[in-house]
């Protein structure tokens, strides 16, 4: 597969801000004049409509359950062949897959199959130092998580600089916002 610049936005759970973050990132890329593509993990049709509205071209679904690994990689390559970056949005919690008992068809599975770096969105409302332990669990649960950075959602602007420093120093992972 041709090396397509890409990122997958995932979260620790549903309602953590994946779609807002994905649309915000795609909008920033569009404003910079980049030719981007978007994909949604799973058989979702609502979030791809938001993506399409933002980027002005059709968003696609990538689902390792329905298409398997080889066809999923093919579909990513085919639909992203002429873009400068592909932005993928995960589903539910990062490791949540089929029937809630497996990682099959999860955002983790899509990242693994497509070898895509992941930004983990963490709803950090009501947390401070516990964030480090929470994120560490996601980083270590699967050694091949591909999580390269985190975004804190619903964090106090006063607390952010201290939590950014703590997480980057303690975990060696980049805090992106």
C-alpha atoms as a PDB file:
ATOM      1  CA  UNK A   1       0.000   0.000   0.000  1.00  0.00           C
ATOM      2  CA  UNK A   2       1.250   3.457  -0.937  1.00  0.00           C
ATOM      3  CA  UNK A   3       2.224   5.408   2.163  1.00  0.00           C
ATOM      4  CA  UNK A   4      -0.667   7.822   2.571  1.00  0.00           C
ATOM      5  CA  UNK A   5      -0.193  10.474   5.272  1.00  0.00           C
ATOM      6  CA  UNK A   6      -2.964   9.745   7.746  1.00  0.00           C
ATOM      7  CA  UNK A   7      -4.146  10.020  11.316  1.00  0.00           C
ATOM      8  CA  UNK A   8      -6.887   8.290  13.271  1.00  0.00           C
ATOM      9  CA  UNK A   9      -8.750  10.195  15.972  1.00  0.00           C
ATOM     10  CA  UNK A  10      -9.977   7.786  18.624  1.00  0.00           C
ATOM     11  CA  UNK A  11     -11.329   8.186  22.132  1.00  0.00           C
ATOM     12  CA  UNK A  12     -11.602   6.379  25.405  1.00  0.00           C
ATOM     13  CA  UNK A  13     -15.398   6.134  25.008  1.00  0.00           C
ATOM     14  CA  UNK A  14     -18.361   7.363  23.022  1.00  0.00           C
ATOM     15  CA  UNK A  15     -19.309  11.014  23.564  1.00  0.00           C
ATOM     16  CA  UNK A  16     -15.708  12.069  24.169  1.00  0.00           C
ATOM     17  CA  UNK A  17     -15.540  14.555  21.290  1.00  0.00           C
ATOM     18  CA  UNK A  18     -14.201  12.478  18.361  1.00  0.00           C
ATOM     19  CA  UNK A  19     -16.505  13.948  15.745  1.00  0.00           C
ATOM     20  CA  UNK A  20     -15.979  17.545  16.890  1.00  0.00           C
ATOM     21  CA  UNK A  21     -12.198  17.045  16.934  1.00  0.00           C
ATOM     22  CA  UNK A  22     -12.217  15.303  13.536  1.00  0.00           C
ATOM     23  CA  UNK A  23     -14.351  18.017  11.923  1.00  0.00           C
ATOM     24  CA  UNK A  24     -12.221  20.741  13.510  1.00  0.00           C
ATOM     25  CA  UNK A  25      -9.018  19.144  12.243  1.00  0.00           C
ATOM     26  CA  UNK A  26     -10.451  18.629   8.758  1.00  0.00           C
ATOM     27  CA  UNK A  27     -11.718  22.211   8.647  1.00  0.00           C
ATOM     28  CA  UNK A  28      -8.246  23.501   9.561  1.00  0.00           C
ATOM     29  CA  UNK A  29      -6.710  21.381   6.775  1.00  0.00           C
ATOM     30  CA  UNK A  30      -9.291  22.655   4.262  1.00  0.00           C
ATOM     31  CA  UNK A  31      -8.556  26.251   5.293  1.00  0.00           C
ATOM     32  CA  UNK A  32      -4.860  25.554   4.647  1.00  0.00           C
ATOM     33  CA  UNK A  33      -5.788  24.443   1.130  1.00  0.00           C
ATOM     34  CA  UNK A  34      -4.910  20.776   1.647  1.00  0.00           C
ATOM     35  CA  UNK A  35      -6.592  18.054  -0.386  1.00  0.00           C
ATOM     36  CA  UNK A  36      -7.915  15.741   2.327  1.00  0.00           C
ATOM     37  CA  UNK A  37     -10.032  12.616   2.607  1.00  0.00           C
ATOM     38  CA  UNK A  38     -12.007  11.394   5.574  1.00  0.00           C
ATOM     39  CA  UNK A  39     -13.043   7.955   6.727  1.00  0.00           C
ATOM     40  CA  UNK A  40     -15.186   6.712   9.589  1.00  0.00           C
ATOM     41  CA  UNK A  41     -14.546   3.434  11.364  1.00  0.00           C
ATOM     42  CA  UNK A  42     -17.517   1.100  11.070  1.00  0.00           C
ATOM     43  CA  UNK A  43     -20.875   1.197   9.320  1.00  0.00           C
ATOM     44  CA  UNK A  44     -21.776   4.691  10.586  1.00  0.00           C
ATOM     45  CA  UNK A  45     -23.606   7.076   8.272  1.00  0.00           C
ATOM     46  CA  UNK A  46     -24.188  10.141  10.479  1.00  0.00           C
ATOM     47  CA  UNK A  47     -20.581  11.172  11.207  1.00  0.00           C
ATOM     48  CA  UNK A  48     -19.529  10.762   7.542  1.00  0.00           C
ATOM     49  CA  UNK A  49     -22.279  13.263   6.639  1.00  0.00           C
ATOM     50  CA  UNK A  50     -20.617  15.796   8.964  1.00  0.00           C
ATOM     51  CA  UNK A  51     -17.217  15.002   7.418  1.00  0.00           C
ATOM     52  CA  UNK A  52     -18.611  15.444   3.901  1.00  0.00           C
ATOM     53  CA  UNK A  53     -20.073  18.821   4.852  1.00  0.00           C
ATOM     54  CA  UNK A  54     -16.693  19.990   6.173  1.00  0.00           C
ATOM     55  CA  UNK A  55     -14.405  18.704   3.408  1.00  0.00           C
ATOM     56  CA  UNK A  56     -16.742  19.152   0.447  1.00  0.00           C
ATOM     57  CA  UNK A  57     -16.297  15.615  -0.873  1.00  0.00           C
ATOM     58  CA  UNK A  58     -17.630  12.200   0.084  1.00  0.00           C
ATOM     59  CA  UNK A  59     -16.442  10.621   3.313  1.00  0.00           C
ATOM     60  CA  UNK A  60     -15.951   6.844   3.332  1.00  0.00           C
ATOM     61  CA  UNK A  61     -16.444   4.047   5.822  1.00  0.00           C
ATOM     62  CA  UNK A  62     -13.724   1.548   6.696  1.00  0.00           C
ATOM     63  CA  UNK A  63     -14.937  -1.544   8.535  1.00  0.00           C
ATOM     64  CA  UNK A  64     -12.620  -4.462   9.238  1.00  0.00           C
ATOM     65  CA  UNK A  65     -15.590  -6.657  10.194  1.00  0.00           C
ATOM     66  CA  UNK A  66     -17.383  -6.394   6.846  1.00  0.00           C
ATOM     67  CA  UNK A  67     -14.388  -6.103   4.538  1.00  0.00           C
ATOM     68  CA  UNK A  68     -11.521  -7.842   6.326  1.00  0.00           C
ATOM     69  CA  UNK A  69      -7.942  -6.618   6.454  1.00  0.00           C
ATOM     70  CA  UNK A  70      -6.865  -6.755   2.805  1.00  0.00           C
ATOM     71  CA  UNK A  71      -9.966  -5.061   1.388  1.00  0.00           C
ATOM     72  CA  UNK A  72      -9.889  -2.421   4.152  1.00  0.00           C
ATOM     73  CA  UNK A  73      -6.317  -1.506   3.187  1.00  0.00           C
ATOM     74  CA  UNK A  74      -7.340  -1.490  -0.504  1.00  0.00           C
ATOM     75  CA  UNK A  75     -10.303   0.827   0.184  1.00  0.00           C
ATOM     76  CA  UNK A  76      -8.134   3.252   2.153  1.00  0.00           C
ATOM     77  CA  UNK A  77      -5.541   3.321  -0.647  1.00  0.00           C
ATOM     78  CA  UNK A  78      -8.177   3.678  -3.401  1.00  0.00           C
ATOM     79  CA  UNK A  79     -10.142   6.436  -1.692  1.00  0.00           C
ATOM     80  CA  UNK A  80      -7.085   8.353  -0.484  1.00  0.00           C
ATOM     81  CA  UNK A  81      -4.784   7.952  -3.491  1.00  0.00           C
ATOM     82  CA  UNK A  82      -4.818  11.610  -4.537  1.00  0.00           C
ATOM     83  CA  UNK A  83      -4.984  13.289  -1.128  1.00  0.00           C
ATOM     84  CA  UNK A  84      -2.391  15.030   0.999  1.00  0.00           C
ATOM     85  CA  UNK A  85      -3.751  13.562   4.249  1.00  0.00           C
ATOM     86  CA  UNK A  86      -6.495  11.171   5.300  1.00  0.00           C
ATOM     87  CA  UNK A  87      -8.281  11.815   8.588  1.00  0.00           C
ATOM     88  CA  UNK A  88     -10.015   8.800  10.105  1.00  0.00           C
ATOM     89  CA  UNK A  89     -12.487   8.920  12.962  1.00  0.00           C
ATOM     90  CA  UNK A  90     -12.788   5.984  15.338  1.00  0.00           C
ATOM     91  CA  UNK A  91     -15.874   4.437  16.831  1.00  0.00           C
ATOM     92  CA  UNK A  92     -16.962   4.095  20.483  1.00  0.00           C
ATOM     93  CA  UNK A  93     -13.988   3.516  22.804  1.00  0.00           C
ATOM     94  CA  UNK A  94     -10.630   2.812  21.152  1.00  0.00           C
ATOM     95  CA  UNK A  95     -10.579  -0.925  21.923  1.00  0.00           C
ATOM     96  CA  UNK A  96     -14.372  -1.513  21.718  1.00  0.00           C
ATOM     97  CA  UNK A  97     -15.213  -3.972  18.955  1.00  0.00           C
ATOM     98  CA  UNK A  98     -17.811  -6.513  17.898  1.00  0.00           C
ATOM     99  CA  UNK A  99     -20.322  -7.505  20.597  1.00  0.00           C
ATOM    100  CA  UNK A 100     -18.345  -5.575  23.211  1.00  0.00           C
ATOM    101  CA  UNK A 101     -16.097  -8.581  23.809  1.00  0.00           C
ATOM    102  CA  UNK A 102     -13.372  -8.212  21.199  1.00  0.00           C
ATOM    103  CA  UNK A 103     -11.215  -5.595  19.463  1.00  0.00           C
ATOM    104  CA  UNK A 104     -12.397  -6.796  16.007  1.00  0.00           C
ATOM    105  CA  UNK A 105     -13.779  -3.831  14.034  1.00  0.00           C
ATOM    106  CA  UNK A 106     -12.696  -1.353  16.740  1.00  0.00           C
ATOM    107  CA  UNK A 107     -10.775   1.851  16.091  1.00  0.00           C
ATOM    108  CA  UNK A 108      -7.704   0.000  17.419  1.00  0.00           C
ATOM    109  CA  UNK A 109      -8.280  -2.718  14.811  1.00  0.00           C
ATOM    110  CA  UNK A 110      -8.537  -0.151  12.005  1.00  0.00           C
ATOM    111  CA  UNK A 111      -5.299   1.524  13.170  1.00  0.00           C
ATOM    112  CA  UNK A 112      -3.573  -1.864  13.347  1.00  0.00           C
ATOM    113  CA  UNK A 113      -4.774  -3.033   9.924  1.00  0.00           C
ATOM    114  CA  UNK A 114      -3.875   0.257   8.184  1.00  0.00           C
ATOM    115  CA  UNK A 115      -0.776   0.991  10.299  1.00  0.00           C
ATOM    116  CA  UNK A 116      -2.156   4.426  11.175  1.00  0.00           C
ATOM    117  CA  UNK A 117      -0.908   6.687  13.995  1.00  0.00           C
ATOM    118  CA  UNK A 118      -3.571   7.476  16.602  1.00  0.00           C
ATOM    119  CA  UNK A 119      -4.472  10.586  18.553  1.00  0.00           C
ATOM    120  CA  UNK A 120      -6.454   9.604  21.652  1.00  0.00           C
ATOM    121  CA  UNK A 121      -9.117  12.068  22.761  1.00  0.00           C
ATOM    122  CA  UNK A 122      -9.642  11.964  26.511  1.00  0.00           C
ATOM    123  CA  UNK A 123     -12.665  13.545  28.148  1.00  0.00           C
ATOM    124  CA  UNK A 124     -10.803  14.838  31.176  1.00  0.00           C
ATOM    125  CA  UNK A 125     -13.666  16.522  32.997  1.00  0.00           C
ATOM    126  CA  UNK A 126     -13.181  16.051  36.730  1.00  0.00           C
ATOM    127  CA  UNK A 127      -9.640  14.622  36.432  1.00  0.00           C
ATOM    128  CA  UNK A 128      -6.144  15.913  36.972  1.00  0.00           C
ATOM    129  CA  UNK A 129      -3.232  13.630  37.907  1.00  0.00           C
ATOM    130  CA  UNK A 130      -5.444  10.558  37.374  1.00  0.00           C
ATOM    131  CA  UNK A 131      -5.226  11.370  33.665  1.00  0.00           C
ATOM    132  CA  UNK A 132      -1.702   9.957  33.590  1.00  0.00           C
ATOM    133  CA  UNK A 133      -2.844   6.583  34.957  1.00  0.00           C
ATOM    134  CA  UNK A 134      -5.867   6.552  32.647  1.00  0.00           C
ATOM    135  CA  UNK A 135      -3.817   7.273  29.530  1.00  0.00           C
ATOM    136  CA  UNK A 136      -1.092   4.843  30.594  1.00  0.00           C
ATOM    137  CA  UNK A 137      -3.683   2.074  30.610  1.00  0.00           C
ATOM    138  CA  UNK A 138      -4.621   2.803  26.988  1.00  0.00           C
ATOM    139  CA  UNK A 139      -0.971   2.987  25.949  1.00  0.00           C
ATOM    140  CA  UNK A 140      -0.046  -0.310  27.584  1.00  0.00           C
ATOM    141  CA  UNK A 141      -3.169  -2.432  27.084  1.00  0.00           C
ATOM    142  CA  UNK A 142      -1.987  -3.395  23.593  1.00  0.00           C
ATOM    143  CA  UNK A 143       1.721  -2.891  22.904  1.00  0.00           C
ATOM    144  CA  UNK A 144       0.941  -2.020  19.257  1.00  0.00           C
ATOM    145  CA  UNK A 145      -1.665   0.659  20.128  1.00  0.00           C
ATOM    146  CA  UNK A 146      -0.086   3.183  17.732  1.00  0.00           C
ATOM    147  CA  UNK A 147      -1.197   5.991  20.091  1.00  0.00           C
ATOM    148  CA  UNK A 148       1.193   8.870  19.353  1.00  0.00           C
ATOM    149  CA  UNK A 149      -0.564  11.771  21.035  1.00  0.00           C
ATOM    150  CA  UNK A 150      -3.508  12.809  23.191  1.00  0.00           C
ATOM    151  CA  UNK A 151      -6.008  15.645  23.235  1.00  0.00           C
ATOM    152  CA  UNK A 152      -7.681  16.629  26.506  1.00  0.00           C
ATOM    153  CA  UNK A 153     -11.347  17.478  26.030  1.00  0.00           C
ATOM    154  CA  UNK A 154     -13.318  19.461  28.620  1.00  0.00           C
ATOM    155  CA  UNK A 155     -10.242  20.499  30.573  1.00  0.00           C
ATOM    156  CA  UNK A 156      -9.899  23.747  32.439  1.00  0.00           C
ATOM    157  CA  UNK A 157      -7.537  26.126  30.596  1.00  0.00           C
ATOM    158  CA  UNK A 158      -5.870  26.819  33.965  1.00  0.00           C
ATOM    159  CA  UNK A 159      -5.113  23.128  34.511  1.00  0.00           C
ATOM    160  CA  UNK A 160      -4.040  22.313  30.952  1.00  0.00           C
ATOM    161  CA  UNK A 161      -0.383  23.480  31.063  1.00  0.00           C
ATOM    162  CA  UNK A 162       0.298  21.483  34.241  1.00  0.00           C
ATOM    163  CA  UNK A 163      -1.402  18.318  32.941  1.00  0.00           C
ATOM    164  CA  UNK A 164       0.361  18.636  29.583  1.00  0.00           C
ATOM    165  CA  UNK A 165       3.742  18.807  31.344  1.00  0.00           C
ATOM    166  CA  UNK A 166       2.905  15.929  33.692  1.00  0.00           C
ATOM    167  CA  UNK A 167       1.643  13.557  30.979  1.00  0.00           C
ATOM    168  CA  UNK A 168       4.483  14.344  28.572  1.00  0.00           C
ATOM    169  CA  UNK A 169       7.132  13.878  31.272  1.00  0.00           C
ATOM    170  CA  UNK A 170       5.604  10.802  32.934  1.00  0.00           C
ATOM    171  CA  UNK A 171       4.425   8.954  29.824  1.00  0.00           C
ATOM    172  CA  UNK A 172       6.633  10.300  27.044  1.00  0.00           C
ATOM    173  CA  UNK A 173       3.641  10.985  24.822  1.00  0.00           C
ATOM    174  CA  UNK A 174       2.800  14.279  23.122  1.00  0.00           C
ATOM    175  CA  UNK A 175      -0.179  16.279  24.392  1.00  0.00           C
ATOM    176  CA  UNK A 176      -1.583  18.077  21.368  1.00  0.00           C
ATOM    177  CA  UNK A 177      -4.302  20.215  22.906  1.00  0.00           C
END
